[in-house]
Amino acid sequence: MPEPPVVNASPLIFLAKADLLHLLQFAGREVLVPAAVVDEVCRRGRDDRTSQAITATEWLRTVEIRFIPELIQSWDLGKGESSVLAWAYENPGTIAVLDDLAARRCAASLGIPVAGTLGLVLIAKKRGQIPLARPVLERLLATGMFLSNHVVNQVLALVGE
């Protein structure tokens, strides 16, 4: 059985705000959230949709990260990104769900598989779980996710839209 994926704050925030949190389950049935990510999200307040989702979603499980390896610390990433990568590094085969470019580069250098918010949309479309990717991307953009027109067009071309 594959390792459950581990998620950073930005995919959680974008997906929760767009009411698309279920897309995370295309990475795994259970999704791990490092305590540092939970802390970052919960600082947004108890009325925040993502804070509420973390506590109300049964398949999101908080995990404690006790140690960040030096080779991850040297990238000078945020605490959340570092925690996600540390968990994935210590648990080979774990997918790190990250949007941050520097964190994705760190993951690539360590051989950690990565998925991002856009990747989850692509998976959902390719598996027939959503009829069209464009409306999903538009929902994400409407909730504050930044994507250039070029990136949107590339993503849509990948799924034949």
C-alpha atoms as a PDB file:
ATOM      1  CA  MET A   1       0.000   0.000   0.000  1.00  0.00           C
ATOM      2  CA  PRO A   2       1.477   3.388  -0.962  1.00  0.00           C
ATOM      3  CA  GLU A   3       2.411   5.997   1.609  1.00  0.00           C
ATOM      4  CA  PRO A   4      -0.205   8.692   2.203  1.00  0.00           C
ATOM      5  CA  PRO A   5       0.701  12.027   0.579  1.00  0.00           C
ATOM      6  CA  VAL A   6       1.736  14.998   2.703  1.00  0.00           C
ATOM      7  CA  VAL A   7       0.369  18.468   1.919  1.00  0.00           C
ATOM      8  CA  ASN A   8       1.559  22.038   2.386  1.00  0.00           C
ATOM      9  CA  ALA A   9      -0.572  25.079   3.229  1.00  0.00           C
ATOM     10  CA  SER A  10      -1.101  26.649  -0.203  1.00  0.00           C
ATOM     11  CA  PRO A  11      -2.794  23.642  -1.851  1.00  0.00           C
ATOM     12  CA  LEU A  12      -4.953  23.256   1.275  1.00  0.00           C
ATOM     13  CA  ILE A  13      -5.892  26.934   1.237  1.00  0.00           C
ATOM     14  CA  PHE A  14      -6.652  27.170  -2.491  1.00  0.00           C
ATOM     15  CA  LEU A  15      -8.651  23.950  -2.570  1.00  0.00           C
ATOM     16  CA  ALA A  16     -10.609  24.695   0.611  1.00  0.00           C
ATOM     17  CA  LYS A  17     -11.469  28.243  -0.507  1.00  0.00           C
ATOM     18  CA  ALA A  18     -12.690  26.900  -3.861  1.00  0.00           C
ATOM     19  CA  ASP A  19     -14.658  24.106  -2.141  1.00  0.00           C
ATOM     20  CA  LEU A  20     -12.464  21.567  -3.947  1.00  0.00           C
ATOM     21  CA  LEU A  21     -10.655  19.969  -1.013  1.00  0.00           C
ATOM     22  CA  HIS A  22     -11.781  16.537  -2.197  1.00  0.00           C
ATOM     23  CA  LEU A  23      -9.295  16.824  -5.088  1.00  0.00           C
ATOM     24  CA  LEU A  24      -6.541  16.112  -2.559  1.00  0.00           C
ATOM     25  CA  GLN A  25      -7.831  12.567  -2.343  1.00  0.00           C
ATOM     26  CA  PHE A  26      -6.599  11.966  -5.882  1.00  0.00           C
ATOM     27  CA  ALA A  27      -3.128  11.939  -4.308  1.00  0.00           C
ATOM     28  CA  GLY A  28      -4.271   9.492  -1.595  1.00  0.00           C
ATOM     29  CA  ARG A  29      -7.304   8.421   0.429  1.00  0.00           C
ATOM     30  CA  GLU A  30      -5.721   9.792   3.592  1.00  0.00           C
ATOM     31  CA  VAL A  31      -3.648  12.988   3.432  1.00  0.00           C
ATOM     32  CA  LEU A  32      -1.085  13.985   6.037  1.00  0.00           C
ATOM     33  CA  VAL A  33      -0.726  17.566   7.237  1.00  0.00           C
ATOM     34  CA  PRO A  34       2.421  18.469   9.212  1.00  0.00           C
ATOM     35  CA  ALA A  35       1.717  20.266  12.497  1.00  0.00           C
ATOM     36  CA  ALA A  36       3.691  23.280  11.202  1.00  0.00           C
ATOM     37  CA  VAL A  37       1.239  23.535   8.289  1.00  0.00           C
ATOM     38  CA  VAL A  38      -1.738  23.206  10.639  1.00  0.00           C
ATOM     39  CA  ASP A  39      -0.277  26.010  12.792  1.00  0.00           C
ATOM     40  CA  GLU A  40       0.259  28.222   9.730  1.00  0.00           C
ATOM     41  CA  VAL A  41      -3.292  27.681   8.494  1.00  0.00           C
ATOM     42  CA  CYS A  42      -4.923  28.034  11.914  1.00  0.00           C
ATOM     43  CA  ARG A  43      -3.275  31.438  12.389  1.00  0.00           C
ATOM     44  CA  ARG A  44      -5.801  32.591   9.805  1.00  0.00           C
ATOM     45  CA  GLY A  45      -8.501  32.317  12.476  1.00  0.00           C
ATOM     46  CA  ARG A  46     -11.248  29.919  13.515  1.00  0.00           C
ATOM     47  CA  ASP A  47     -13.640  31.360  10.931  1.00  0.00           C
ATOM     48  CA  ASP A  48     -11.240  30.618   8.083  1.00  0.00           C
ATOM     49  CA  ARG A  49     -12.541  27.945   5.705  1.00  0.00           C
ATOM     50  CA  THR A  50      -9.211  26.097   5.584  1.00  0.00           C
ATOM     51  CA  SER A  51      -8.854  26.084   9.389  1.00  0.00           C
ATOM     52  CA  GLN A  52     -12.337  24.618   9.634  1.00  0.00           C
ATOM     53  CA  ALA A  53     -11.595  22.034   6.941  1.00  0.00           C
ATOM     54  CA  ILE A  54      -8.493  20.771   8.731  1.00  0.00           C
ATOM     55  CA  THR A  55     -10.450  20.013  11.881  1.00  0.00           C
ATOM     56  CA  ALA A  56     -13.614  18.758  10.157  1.00  0.00           C
ATOM     57  CA  THR A  57     -12.145  16.539   7.430  1.00  0.00           C
ATOM     58  CA  GLU A  58     -11.642  12.996   8.682  1.00  0.00           C
ATOM     59  CA  TRP A  59      -9.173  11.988   5.994  1.00  0.00           C
ATOM     60  CA  LEU A  60      -6.771  14.862   6.824  1.00  0.00           C
ATOM     61  CA  ARG A  61      -4.416  13.659   9.565  1.00  0.00           C
ATOM     62  CA  THR A  62      -1.983  15.892  11.436  1.00  0.00           C
ATOM     63  CA  VAL A  63       1.543  14.524  11.867  1.00  0.00           C
ATOM     64  CA  GLU A  64       4.417  15.804  13.989  1.00  0.00           C
ATOM     65  CA  ILE A  65       7.741  16.390  12.264  1.00  0.00           C
ATOM     66  CA  ARG A  66      10.464  16.161  14.883  1.00  0.00           C
ATOM     67  CA  PHE A  67      13.535  16.725  12.717  1.00  0.00           C
ATOM     68  CA  ILE A  68      14.307  18.638   9.515  1.00  0.00           C
ATOM     69  CA  PRO A  69      17.398  17.161   7.822  1.00  0.00           C
ATOM     70  CA  GLU A  70      20.227  19.637   7.168  1.00  0.00           C
ATOM     71  CA  LEU A  71      19.998  19.076   3.417  1.00  0.00           C
ATOM     72  CA  ILE A  72      16.418  20.418   3.547  1.00  0.00           C
ATOM     73  CA  GLN A  73      17.257  23.193   6.027  1.00  0.00           C
ATOM     74  CA  SER A  74      19.956  24.431   3.638  1.00  0.00           C
ATOM     75  CA  TRP A  75      17.241  25.425   1.132  1.00  0.00           C
ATOM     76  CA  ASP A  76      15.942  28.043   3.598  1.00  0.00           C
ATOM     77  CA  LEU A  77      12.298  27.240   2.920  1.00  0.00           C
ATOM     78  CA  GLY A  78       9.358  28.021   5.163  1.00  0.00           C
ATOM     79  CA  LYS A  79       8.613  25.798   8.126  1.00  0.00           C
ATOM     80  CA  GLY A  80       5.614  24.229   6.365  1.00  0.00           C
ATOM     81  CA  GLU A  81       7.475  23.399   3.167  1.00  0.00           C
ATOM     82  CA  SER A  82      10.435  22.060   5.144  1.00  0.00           C
ATOM     83  CA  SER A  83       8.142  19.870   7.235  1.00  0.00           C
ATOM     84  CA  VAL A  84       6.383  18.469   4.165  1.00  0.00           C
ATOM     85  CA  LEU A  85       9.717  17.665   2.538  1.00  0.00           C
ATOM     86  CA  ALA A  86      11.183  16.192   5.738  1.00  0.00           C
ATOM     87  CA  TRP A  87       8.231  13.806   6.064  1.00  0.00           C
ATOM     88  CA  ALA A  88       8.447  12.776   2.402  1.00  0.00           C
ATOM     89  CA  TYR A  89      12.218  12.348   2.635  1.00  0.00           C
ATOM     90  CA  GLU A  90      11.937  10.127   5.718  1.00  0.00           C
ATOM     91  CA  ASN A  91       9.055   8.119   4.180  1.00  0.00           C
ATOM     92  CA  PRO A  92      10.184   7.162   0.655  1.00  0.00           C
ATOM     93  CA  GLY A  93       7.376   6.964  -1.890  1.00  0.00           C
ATOM     94  CA  THR A  94       5.400   9.746  -0.221  1.00  0.00           C
ATOM     95  CA  ILE A  95       4.055  12.362  -2.611  1.00  0.00           C
ATOM     96  CA  ALA A  96       4.680  15.932  -1.434  1.00  0.00           C
ATOM     97  CA  VAL A  97       1.757  18.162  -2.417  1.00  0.00           C
ATOM     98  CA  LEU A  98       3.429  21.554  -2.898  1.00  0.00           C
ATOM     99  CA  ASP A  99       2.970  24.612  -5.073  1.00  0.00           C
ATOM    100  CA  ASP A 100       6.063  26.600  -3.984  1.00  0.00           C
ATOM    101  CA  LEU A 101       8.684  26.542  -6.750  1.00  0.00           C
ATOM    102  CA  ALA A 102      11.736  26.485  -4.449  1.00  0.00           C
ATOM    103  CA  ALA A 103      10.209  23.629  -2.442  1.00  0.00           C
ATOM    104  CA  ARG A 104       9.473  21.731  -5.654  1.00  0.00           C
ATOM    105  CA  ARG A 105      13.092  22.208  -6.746  1.00  0.00           C
ATOM    106  CA  CYS A 106      14.294  20.925  -3.382  1.00  0.00           C
ATOM    107  CA  ALA A 107      12.007  17.900  -3.744  1.00  0.00           C
ATOM    108  CA  ALA A 108      13.366  17.205  -7.230  1.00  0.00           C
ATOM    109  CA  SER A 109      16.945  17.350  -5.936  1.00  0.00           C
ATOM    110  CA  LEU A 110      16.043  14.773  -3.274  1.00  0.00           C
ATOM    111  CA  GLY A 111      14.047  12.503  -5.576  1.00  0.00           C
ATOM    112  CA  ILE A 112      10.774  13.222  -3.762  1.00  0.00           C
ATOM    113  CA  PRO A 113       7.685  12.856  -5.972  1.00  0.00           C
ATOM    114  CA  VAL A 114       5.618  16.049  -6.133  1.00  0.00           C
ATOM    115  CA  ALA A 115       2.089  17.012  -7.075  1.00  0.00           C
ATOM    116  CA  GLY A 116       0.696  20.521  -7.008  1.00  0.00           C
ATOM    117  CA  THR A 117      -2.758  21.986  -6.989  1.00  0.00           C
ATOM    118  CA  LEU A 118      -2.794  22.030 -10.809  1.00  0.00           C
ATOM    119  CA  GLY A 119      -1.589  18.453 -10.938  1.00  0.00           C
ATOM    120  CA  LEU A 120      -4.539  17.371  -8.816  1.00  0.00           C
ATOM    121  CA  VAL A 121      -6.904  19.070 -11.268  1.00  0.00           C
ATOM    122  CA  LEU A 122      -5.218  17.237 -14.152  1.00  0.00           C
ATOM    123  CA  ILE A 123      -5.503  13.898 -12.369  1.00  0.00           C
ATOM    124  CA  ALA A 124      -9.195  14.495 -11.651  1.00  0.00           C
ATOM    125  CA  LYS A 125      -9.858  15.352 -15.305  1.00  0.00           C
ATOM    126  CA  LYS A 126      -7.851  12.420 -16.677  1.00  0.00           C
ATOM    127  CA  ARG A 127      -9.696  10.008 -14.356  1.00  0.00           C
ATOM    128  CA  GLY A 128     -13.057  11.385 -15.448  1.00  0.00           C
ATOM    129  CA  GLN A 129     -13.860  12.731 -11.982  1.00  0.00           C
ATOM    130  CA  ILE A 130     -14.516  16.201 -13.361  1.00  0.00           C
ATOM    131  CA  PRO A 131     -16.003  16.798 -16.821  1.00  0.00           C
ATOM    132  CA  LEU A 132     -13.915  19.905 -17.570  1.00  0.00           C
ATOM    133  CA  ALA A 133     -10.762  21.375 -16.037  1.00  0.00           C
ATOM    134  CA  ARG A 134     -11.463  24.974 -17.113  1.00  0.00           C
ATOM    135  CA  PRO A 135     -14.278  25.663 -14.589  1.00  0.00           C
ATOM    136  CA  VAL A 136     -12.153  24.191 -11.803  1.00  0.00           C
ATOM    137  CA  LEU A 137      -9.201  26.381 -12.763  1.00  0.00           C
ATOM    138  CA  GLU A 138     -11.506  29.394 -12.904  1.00  0.00           C
ATOM    139  CA  ARG A 139     -12.742  28.623  -9.366  1.00  0.00           C
ATOM    140  CA  LEU A 140      -9.172  28.419  -8.123  1.00  0.00           C
ATOM    141  CA  LEU A 141      -8.299  31.717  -9.810  1.00  0.00           C
ATOM    142  CA  ALA A 142     -11.400  33.363  -8.340  1.00  0.00           C
ATOM    143  CA  THR A 143     -10.266  32.399  -4.842  1.00  0.00           C
ATOM    144  CA  GLY A 144      -6.825  33.950  -5.195  1.00  0.00           C
ATOM    145  CA  MET A 145      -4.585  31.371  -6.840  1.00  0.00           C
ATOM    146  CA  PHE A 146      -2.353  33.095  -9.359  1.00  0.00           C
ATOM    147  CA  LEU A 147      -1.792  31.417 -12.698  1.00  0.00           C
ATOM    148  CA  SER A 148      -0.641  33.160 -15.852  1.00  0.00           C
ATOM    149  CA  ASN A 149      -2.772  32.790 -18.964  1.00  0.00           C
ATOM    150  CA  HIS A 150       0.122  30.863 -20.476  1.00  0.00           C
ATOM    151  CA  VAL A 151       0.075  28.282 -17.666  1.00  0.00           C
ATOM    152  CA  VAL A 152      -3.729  27.978 -17.798  1.00  0.00           C
ATOM    153  CA  ASN A 153      -3.584  27.391 -21.555  1.00  0.00           C
ATOM    154  CA  GLN A 154      -0.801  24.807 -21.178  1.00  0.00           C
ATOM    155  CA  VAL A 155      -2.735  22.918 -18.520  1.00  0.00           C
ATOM    156  CA  LEU A 156      -5.932  22.942 -20.566  1.00  0.00           C
ATOM    157  CA  ALA A 157      -4.034  21.740 -23.656  1.00  0.00           C
ATOM    158  CA  LEU A 158      -2.743  18.764 -21.646  1.00  0.00           C
ATOM    159  CA  VAL A 159      -6.331  17.615 -21.096  1.00  0.00           C
ATOM    160  CA  GLY A 160      -7.599  18.497 -24.567  1.00  0.00           C
ATOM    161  CA  GLU A 161      -9.534  21.635 -23.645  1.00  0.00           C
END
